[in-house]
Amino acid sequence: MKAVDTPKEVRLPATTQAFESATLFARQNGYIEKRFVDIGSRVKAGELLALISAPEVDDQLNLVWCPCLRRKARSEQCRR
């Protein structure tokens, strides 16, 4: 008898389940601007999954930063 190197395919009925699952909750309202991984993909701790656009938060930041930037520009003009 000779050994044969031809691959064989065997199909068996089965069910697969994840070892772990996680529920994700939004910390902030927004829109998914870009998704970096597909559903079901393996990911590592700290890996960026998606980029969320939050116009309301951007508006709030602009309200805080604009006065600060104006003051900084005025102080630089005064130094000249």
PDB file of N, CA and C in Angstrom:
ATOM      1  N   MET A   1       0.827  -1.171   0.000  1.00  0.00           N
ATOM      2  CA  MET A   1       0.000   0.000   0.000  1.00  0.00           C
ATOM      3  C   MET A   1       0.882   1.249   0.000  1.00  0.00           C
ATOM      4  N   LYS A   2       0.497   2.257  -0.812  1.00  0.00           N
ATOM      5  CA  LYS A   2       1.244   3.504  -0.923  1.00  0.00           C
ATOM      6  C   LYS A   2       0.480   4.639  -0.261  1.00  0.00           C
ATOM      7  N   ALA A   3       1.224   5.574   0.372  1.00  0.00           N
ATOM      8  CA  ALA A   3       0.607   6.772   0.937  1.00  0.00           C
ATOM      9  C   ALA A   3       0.296   7.741  -0.199  1.00  0.00           C
ATOM     10  N   VAL A   4      -0.874   8.355  -0.145  1.00  0.00           N
ATOM     11  CA  VAL A   4      -1.302   9.279  -1.185  1.00  0.00           C
ATOM     12  C   VAL A   4      -1.396  10.682  -0.582  1.00  0.00           C
ATOM     13  N   ASP A   5      -0.866  11.684  -1.309  1.00  0.00           N
ATOM     14  CA  ASP A   5      -0.840  13.065  -0.811  1.00  0.00           C
ATOM     15  C   ASP A   5      -2.004  13.910  -1.312  1.00  0.00           C
ATOM     16  N   THR A   6      -3.063  13.325  -1.751  1.00  0.00           N
ATOM     17  CA  THR A   6      -4.191  14.118  -2.236  1.00  0.00           C
ATOM     18  C   THR A   6      -5.061  14.545  -1.062  1.00  0.00           C
ATOM     19  N   PRO A   7      -5.403  15.833  -0.998  1.00  0.00           N
ATOM     20  CA  PRO A   7      -6.253  16.302   0.111  1.00  0.00           C
ATOM     21  C   PRO A   7      -7.681  15.783  -0.039  1.00  0.00           C
ATOM     22  N   LYS A   8      -8.322  15.561   1.086  1.00  0.00           N
ATOM     23  CA  LYS A   8      -9.709  15.104   1.082  1.00  0.00           C
ATOM     24  C   LYS A   8     -10.548  16.102   1.872  1.00  0.00           C
ATOM     25  N   GLU A   9     -11.738  16.312   1.416  1.00  0.00           N
ATOM     26  CA  GLU A   9     -12.661  17.235   2.073  1.00  0.00           C
ATOM     27  C   GLU A   9     -13.705  16.417   2.807  1.00  0.00           C
ATOM     28  N   VAL A  10     -13.897  16.771   4.085  1.00  0.00           N
ATOM     29  CA  VAL A  10     -14.900  16.094   4.892  1.00  0.00           C
ATOM     30  C   VAL A  10     -15.846  17.149   5.424  1.00  0.00           C
ATOM     31  N   ARG A  11     -17.130  16.992   5.197  1.00  0.00           N
ATOM     32  CA  ARG A  11     -18.138  17.943   5.698  1.00  0.00           C
ATOM     33  C   ARG A  11     -18.936  17.272   6.806  1.00  0.00           C
ATOM     34  N   LEU A  12     -18.958  17.958   7.952  1.00  0.00           N
ATOM     35  CA  LEU A  12     -19.688  17.434   9.097  1.00  0.00           C
ATOM     36  C   LEU A  12     -20.671  18.496   9.582  1.00  0.00           C
ATOM     37  N   PRO A  13     -21.843  18.104  10.046  1.00  0.00           N
ATOM     38  CA  PRO A  13     -22.783  19.087  10.586  1.00  0.00           C
ATOM     39  C   PRO A  13     -22.239  19.641  11.908  1.00  0.00           C
ATOM     40  N   ALA A  14     -22.331  20.962  12.071  1.00  0.00           N
ATOM     41  CA  ALA A  14     -21.806  21.576  13.292  1.00  0.00           C
ATOM     42  C   ALA A  14     -22.435  22.938  13.505  1.00  0.00           C
ATOM     43  N   THR A  15     -22.278  23.453  14.716  1.00  0.00           N
ATOM     44  CA  THR A  15     -22.712  24.790  15.082  1.00  0.00           C
ATOM     45  C   THR A  15     -21.525  25.486  15.746  1.00  0.00           C
ATOM     46  N   THR A  16     -21.313  26.760  15.424  1.00  0.00           N
ATOM     47  CA  THR A  16     -20.220  27.502  16.053  1.00  0.00           C
ATOM     48  C   THR A  16     -20.783  28.611  16.930  1.00  0.00           C
ATOM     49  N   GLN A  17     -20.085  28.870  18.031  1.00  0.00           N
ATOM     50  CA  GLN A  17     -20.456  29.948  18.947  1.00  0.00           C
ATOM     51  C   GLN A  17     -19.186  30.631  19.428  1.00  0.00           C
ATOM     52  N   ALA A  18     -19.304  31.909  19.758  1.00  0.00           N
ATOM     53  CA  ALA A  18     -18.155  32.665  20.266  1.00  0.00           C
ATOM     54  C   ALA A  18     -17.844  32.245  21.695  1.00  0.00           C
ATOM     55  N   PHE A  19     -16.554  32.314  22.069  1.00  0.00           N
ATOM     56  CA  PHE A  19     -16.157  32.034  23.440  1.00  0.00           C
ATOM     57  C   PHE A  19     -16.579  33.179  24.356  1.00  0.00           C
ATOM     58  N   GLU A  20     -16.477  34.388  23.840  1.00  0.00           N
ATOM     59  CA  GLU A  20     -16.822  35.572  24.623  1.00  0.00           C
ATOM     60  C   GLU A  20     -17.652  36.517  23.778  1.00  0.00           C
ATOM     61  N   SER A  21     -18.444  37.332  24.440  1.00  0.00           N
ATOM     62  CA  SER A  21     -19.199  38.369  23.744  1.00  0.00           C
ATOM     63  C   SER A  21     -19.167  39.629  24.601  1.00  0.00           C
ATOM     64  N   ALA A  22     -19.396  40.750  23.966  1.00  0.00           N
ATOM     65  CA  ALA A  22     -19.379  42.026  24.679  1.00  0.00           C
ATOM     66  C   ALA A  22     -20.504  42.898  24.149  1.00  0.00           C
ATOM     67  N   THR A  23     -21.156  43.605  25.049  1.00  0.00           N
ATOM     68  CA  THR A  23     -22.180  44.559  24.669  1.00  0.00           C
ATOM     69  C   THR A  23     -21.543  45.945  24.695  1.00  0.00           C
ATOM     70  N   LEU A  24     -21.707  46.688  23.627  1.00  0.00           N
ATOM     71  CA  LEU A  24     -21.126  48.029  23.529  1.00  0.00           C
ATOM     72  C   LEU A  24     -22.222  49.071  23.654  1.00  0.00           C
ATOM     73  N   PHE A  25     -21.967  50.079  24.459  1.00  0.00           N
ATOM     74  CA  PHE A  25     -22.905  51.180  24.638  1.00  0.00           C
ATOM     75  C   PHE A  25     -22.230  52.472  24.207  1.00  0.00           C
ATOM     76  N   ALA A  26     -22.995  53.364  23.632  1.00  0.00           N
ATOM     77  CA  ALA A  26     -22.455  54.652  23.196  1.00  0.00           C
ATOM     78  C   ALA A  26     -22.250  55.557  24.401  1.00  0.00           C
ATOM     79  N   ARG A  27     -21.103  56.202  24.457  1.00  0.00           N
ATOM     80  CA  ARG A  27     -20.853  57.198  25.492  1.00  0.00           C
ATOM     81  C   ARG A  27     -21.360  58.561  25.051  1.00  0.00           C
ATOM     82  N   GLN A  28     -21.469  58.708  23.756  1.00  0.00           N
ATOM     83  CA  GLN A  28     -21.871  59.995  23.192  1.00  0.00           C
ATOM     84  C   GLN A  28     -22.693  59.755  21.933  1.00  0.00           C
ATOM     85  N   ASN A  29     -23.661  60.615  21.697  1.00  0.00           N
ATOM     86  CA  ASN A  29     -24.423  60.524  20.453  1.00  0.00           C
ATOM     87  C   ASN A  29     -23.541  60.952  19.291  1.00  0.00           C
ATOM     88  N   GLY A  30     -23.745  60.321  18.152  1.00  0.00           N
ATOM     89  CA  GLY A  30     -22.969  60.680  16.976  1.00  0.00           C
ATOM     90  C   GLY A  30     -23.263  59.737  15.833  1.00  0.00           C
ATOM     91  N   TYR A  31     -22.479  59.881  14.794  1.00  0.00           N
ATOM     92  CA  TYR A  31     -22.643  59.079  13.581  1.00  0.00           C
ATOM     93  C   TYR A  31     -21.342  58.350  13.299  1.00  0.00           C
ATOM     94  N   ILE A  32     -21.427  57.121  12.821  1.00  0.00           N
ATOM     95  CA  ILE A  32     -20.217  56.384  12.453  1.00  0.00           C
ATOM     96  C   ILE A  32     -19.720  56.947  11.130  1.00  0.00           C
ATOM     97  N   GLU A  33     -18.562  57.577  11.191  1.00  0.00           N
ATOM     98  CA  GLU A  33     -17.981  58.189   9.999  1.00  0.00           C
ATOM     99  C   GLU A  33     -17.180  57.159   9.201  1.00  0.00           C
ATOM    100  N   LYS A  34     -16.438  56.301   9.919  1.00  0.00           N
ATOM    101  CA  LYS A  34     -15.638  55.278   9.254  1.00  0.00           C
ATOM    102  C   LYS A  34     -15.531  54.064  10.166  1.00  0.00           C
ATOM    103  N   ARG A  35     -15.675  52.880   9.591  1.00  0.00           N
ATOM    104  CA  ARG A  35     -15.563  51.633  10.352  1.00  0.00           C
ATOM    105  C   ARG A  35     -14.273  50.936   9.938  1.00  0.00           C
ATOM    106  N   PHE A  36     -13.445  50.561  10.913  1.00  0.00           N
ATOM    107  CA  PHE A  36     -12.132  49.990  10.632  1.00  0.00           C
ATOM    108  C   PHE A  36     -12.117  48.461  10.670  1.00  0.00           C
ATOM    109  N   VAL A  37     -13.096  47.838  11.306  1.00  0.00           N
ATOM    110  CA  VAL A  37     -13.161  46.377  11.365  1.00  0.00           C
ATOM    111  C   VAL A  37     -14.570  45.914  11.026  1.00  0.00           C
ATOM    112  N   ASP A  38     -14.677  44.707  10.541  1.00  0.00           N
ATOM    113  CA  ASP A  38     -15.976  44.132  10.224  1.00  0.00           C
ATOM    114  C   ASP A  38     -16.540  43.415  11.438  1.00  0.00           C
ATOM    115  N   ILE A  39     -17.840  43.240  11.457  1.00  0.00           N
ATOM    116  CA  ILE A  39     -18.490  42.503  12.530  1.00  0.00           C
ATOM    117  C   ILE A  39     -17.959  41.077  12.515  1.00  0.00           C
ATOM    118  N   GLY A  40     -17.558  40.581  13.668  1.00  0.00           N
ATOM    119  CA  GLY A  40     -17.035  39.230  13.779  1.00  0.00           C
ATOM    120  C   GLY A  40     -15.533  39.129  13.646  1.00  0.00           C
ATOM    121  N   SER A  41     -14.858  40.242  13.320  1.00  0.00           N
ATOM    122  CA  SER A  41     -13.395  40.228  13.177  1.00  0.00           C
ATOM    123  C   SER A  41     -12.726  40.138  14.536  1.00  0.00           C
ATOM    124  N   ARG A  42     -11.558  39.532  14.576  1.00  0.00           N
ATOM    125  CA  ARG A  42     -10.770  39.502  15.806  1.00  0.00           C
ATOM    126  C   ARG A  42     -10.092  40.856  15.978  1.00  0.00           C
ATOM    127  N   VAL A  43     -10.124  41.370  17.186  1.00  0.00           N
ATOM    128  CA  VAL A  43      -9.493  42.655  17.479  1.00  0.00           C
ATOM    129  C   VAL A  43      -8.644  42.526  18.732  1.00  0.00           C
ATOM    130  N   LYS A  44      -7.707  43.442  18.878  1.00  0.00           N
ATOM    131  CA  LYS A  44      -6.839  43.468  20.049  1.00  0.00           C
ATOM    132  C   LYS A  44      -7.287  44.590  20.969  1.00  0.00           C
ATOM    133  N   ALA A  45      -6.942  44.484  22.232  1.00  0.00           N
ATOM    134  CA  ALA A  45      -7.286  45.513  23.207  1.00  0.00           C
ATOM    135  C   ALA A  45      -6.700  46.847  22.775  1.00  0.00           C
ATOM    136  N   GLY A  46      -7.502  47.885  22.794  1.00  0.00           N
ATOM    137  CA  GLY A  46      -7.056  49.218  22.434  1.00  0.00           C
ATOM    138  C   GLY A  46      -7.127  49.534  20.950  1.00  0.00           C
ATOM    139  N   GLU A  47      -7.509  48.568  20.134  1.00  0.00           N
ATOM    140  CA  GLU A  47      -7.586  48.791  18.687  1.00  0.00           C
ATOM    141  C   GLU A  47      -8.778  49.682  18.361  1.00  0.00           C
ATOM    142  N   LEU A  48      -8.578  50.612  17.431  1.00  0.00           N
ATOM    143  CA  LEU A  48      -9.636  51.529  17.022  1.00  0.00           C
ATOM    144  C   LEU A  48     -10.643  50.788  16.152  1.00  0.00           C
ATOM    145  N   LEU A  49     -11.906  50.782  16.562  1.00  0.00           N
ATOM    146  CA  LEU A  49     -12.942  50.057  15.840  1.00  0.00           C
ATOM    147  C   LEU A  49     -13.663  50.937  14.836  1.00  0.00           C
ATOM    148  N   ALA A  50     -13.951  52.170  15.229  1.00  0.00           N
ATOM    149  CA  ALA A  50     -14.700  53.070  14.348  1.00  0.00           C
ATOM    150  C   ALA A  50     -14.376  54.513  14.707  1.00  0.00           C
ATOM    151  N   LEU A  51     -14.624  55.389  13.748  1.00  0.00           N
ATOM    152  CA  LEU A  51     -14.473  56.821  13.957  1.00  0.00           C
ATOM    153  C   LEU A  51     -15.872  57.410  14.012  1.00  0.00           C
ATOM    154  N   ILE A  52     -16.187  58.064  15.118  1.00  0.00           N
ATOM    155  CA  ILE A  52     -17.530  58.605  15.317  1.00  0.00           C
ATOM    156  C   ILE A  52     -17.484  60.116  15.156  1.00  0.00           C
ATOM    157  N   SER A  53     -18.379  60.628  14.342  1.00  0.00           N
ATOM    158  CA  SER A  53     -18.514  62.066  14.153  1.00  0.00           C
ATOM    159  C   SER A  53     -19.645  62.543  15.064  1.00  0.00           C
ATOM    160  N   ALA A  54     -19.348  63.515  15.916  1.00  0.00           N
ATOM    161  CA  ALA A  54     -20.339  64.032  16.855  1.00  0.00           C
ATOM    162  C   ALA A  54     -20.424  65.549  16.704  1.00  0.00           C
ATOM    163  N   PRO A  55     -21.269  66.035  15.798  1.00  0.00           N
ATOM    164  CA  PRO A  55     -21.356  67.476  15.554  1.00  0.00           C
ATOM    165  C   PRO A  55     -21.701  68.298  16.798  1.00  0.00           C
ATOM    166  N   GLU A  56     -22.524  67.767  17.676  1.00  0.00           N
ATOM    167  CA  GLU A  56     -22.900  68.512  18.885  1.00  0.00           C
ATOM    168  C   GLU A  56     -21.692  68.738  19.781  1.00  0.00           C
ATOM    169  N   VAL A  57     -20.852  67.729  19.909  1.00  0.00           N
ATOM    170  CA  VAL A  57     -19.647  67.860  20.737  1.00  0.00           C
ATOM    171  C   VAL A  57     -18.669  68.830  20.085  1.00  0.00           C
ATOM    172  N   ASP A  58     -18.524  68.760  18.761  1.00  0.00           N
ATOM    173  CA  ASP A  58     -17.652  69.689  18.050  1.00  0.00           C
ATOM    174  C   ASP A  58     -18.091  71.134  18.266  1.00  0.00           C
ATOM    175  N   ASP A  59     -19.399  71.368  18.234  1.00  0.00           N
ATOM    176  CA  ASP A  59     -19.922  72.718  18.470  1.00  0.00           C
ATOM    177  C   ASP A  59     -19.598  73.190  19.880  1.00  0.00           C
ATOM    178  N   GLN A  60     -19.732  72.300  20.864  1.00  0.00           N
ATOM    179  CA  GLN A  60     -19.428  72.668  22.248  1.00  0.00           C
ATOM    180  C   GLN A  60     -17.946  72.991  22.406  1.00  0.00           C
ATOM    181  N   LEU A  61     -17.090  72.213  21.761  1.00  0.00           N
ATOM    182  CA  LEU A  61     -15.654  72.486  21.838  1.00  0.00           C
ATOM    183  C   LEU A  61     -15.310  73.821  21.188  1.00  0.00           C
ATOM    184  N   ASN A  62     -15.942  74.113  20.063  1.00  0.00           N
ATOM    185  CA  ASN A  62     -15.692  75.392  19.389  1.00  0.00           C
ATOM    186  C   ASN A  62     -16.106  76.565  20.261  1.00  0.00           C
ATOM    187  N   LEU A  63     -17.198  76.427  21.000  1.00  0.00           N
ATOM    188  CA  LEU A  63     -17.630  77.503  21.892  1.00  0.00           C
ATOM    189  C   LEU A  63     -16.603  77.772  22.977  1.00  0.00           C
ATOM    190  N   VAL A  64     -15.930  76.741  23.428  1.00  0.00           N
ATOM    191  CA  VAL A  64     -14.930  76.899  24.482  1.00  0.00           C
ATOM    192  C   VAL A  64     -13.613  77.404  23.916  1.00  0.00           C
ATOM    193  N   TRP A  65     -13.178  76.846  22.778  1.00  0.00           N
ATOM    194  CA  TRP A  65     -11.867  77.173  22.238  1.00  0.00           C
ATOM    195  C   TRP A  65     -11.800  78.527  21.538  1.00  0.00           C
ATOM    196  N   CYS A  66     -12.866  78.960  20.913  1.00  0.00           N
ATOM    197  CA  CYS A  66     -12.814  80.230  20.173  1.00  0.00           C
ATOM    198  C   CYS A  66     -12.424  81.413  21.048  1.00  0.00           C
ATOM    199  N   PRO A  67     -13.053  81.596  22.205  1.00  0.00           N
ATOM    200  CA  PRO A  67     -12.624  82.732  23.053  1.00  0.00           C
ATOM    201  C   PRO A  67     -11.164  82.598  23.492  1.00  0.00           C
ATOM    202  N   CYS A  68     -10.722  81.386  23.756  1.00  0.00           N
ATOM    203  CA  CYS A  68      -9.325  81.187  24.171  1.00  0.00           C
ATOM    204  C   CYS A  68      -8.372  81.551  23.051  1.00  0.00           C
ATOM    205  N   LEU A  69      -8.699  81.163  21.841  1.00  0.00           N
ATOM    206  CA  LEU A  69      -7.840  81.477  20.697  1.00  0.00           C
ATOM    207  C   LEU A  69      -7.810  82.971  20.420  1.00  0.00           C
ATOM    208  N   ARG A  70      -8.956  83.649  20.603  1.00  0.00           N
ATOM    209  CA  ARG A  70      -9.002  85.101  20.401  1.00  0.00           C
ATOM    210  C   ARG A  70      -8.098  85.812  21.407  1.00  0.00           C
ATOM    211  N   ARG A  71      -8.180  85.381  22.664  1.00  0.00           N
ATOM    212  CA  ARG A  71      -7.336  85.998  23.705  1.00  0.00           C
ATOM    213  C   ARG A  71      -5.858  85.781  23.403  1.00  0.00           C
ATOM    214  N   LYS A  72      -5.517  84.584  22.951  1.00  0.00           N
ATOM    215  CA  LYS A  72      -4.119  84.287  22.621  1.00  0.00           C
ATOM    216  C   LYS A  72      -3.639  85.159  21.460  1.00  0.00           C
ATOM    217  N   ALA A  73      -4.484  85.328  20.445  1.00  0.00           N
ATOM    218  CA  ALA A  73      -4.114  86.165  19.297  1.00  0.00           C
ATOM    219  C   ALA A  73      -3.923  87.615  19.725  1.00  0.00           C
ATOM    220  N   ARG A  74      -4.815  88.123  20.601  1.00  0.00           N
ATOM    221  CA  ARG A  74      -4.691  89.507  21.079  1.00  0.00           C
ATOM    222  C   ARG A  74      -3.404  89.701  21.871  1.00  0.00           C
ATOM    223  N   SER A  75      -3.071  88.722  22.715  1.00  0.00           N
ATOM    224  CA  SER A  75      -1.858  88.875  23.529  1.00  0.00           C
ATOM    225  C   SER A  75      -0.620  88.853  22.653  1.00  0.00           C
ATOM    226  N   GLU A  76      -0.649  88.054  21.559  1.00  0.00           N
ATOM    227  CA  GLU A  76       0.492  88.027  20.650  1.00  0.00           C
ATOM    228  C   GLU A  76       0.613  89.355  19.894  1.00  0.00           C
ATOM    229  N   GLN A  77      -0.539  89.965  19.550  1.00  0.00           N
ATOM    230  CA  GLN A  77      -0.498  91.258  18.862  1.00  0.00           C
ATOM    231  C   GLN A  77       0.068  92.332  19.791  1.00  0.00           C
ATOM    232  N   CYS A  78      -0.286  92.268  21.054  1.00  0.00           N
ATOM    233  CA  CYS A  78       0.196  93.260  22.010  1.00  0.00           C
ATOM    234  C   CYS A  78       1.687  93.147  22.227  1.00  0.00           C
ATOM    235  N   ARG A  79       2.246  91.981  22.110  1.00  0.00           N
ATOM    236  CA  ARG A  79       3.684  91.779  22.309  1.00  0.00           C
ATOM    237  C   ARG A  79       4.500  92.350  21.159  1.00  0.00           C
ATOM    238  N   ARG A  80       3.889  92.485  19.986  1.00  0.00           N
ATOM    239  CA  ARG A  80       4.629  92.986  18.808  1.00  0.00           C
ATOM    240  C   ARG A  80       4.814  94.432  18.920  1.00  0.00           C
TER     241      ARG A  80
END
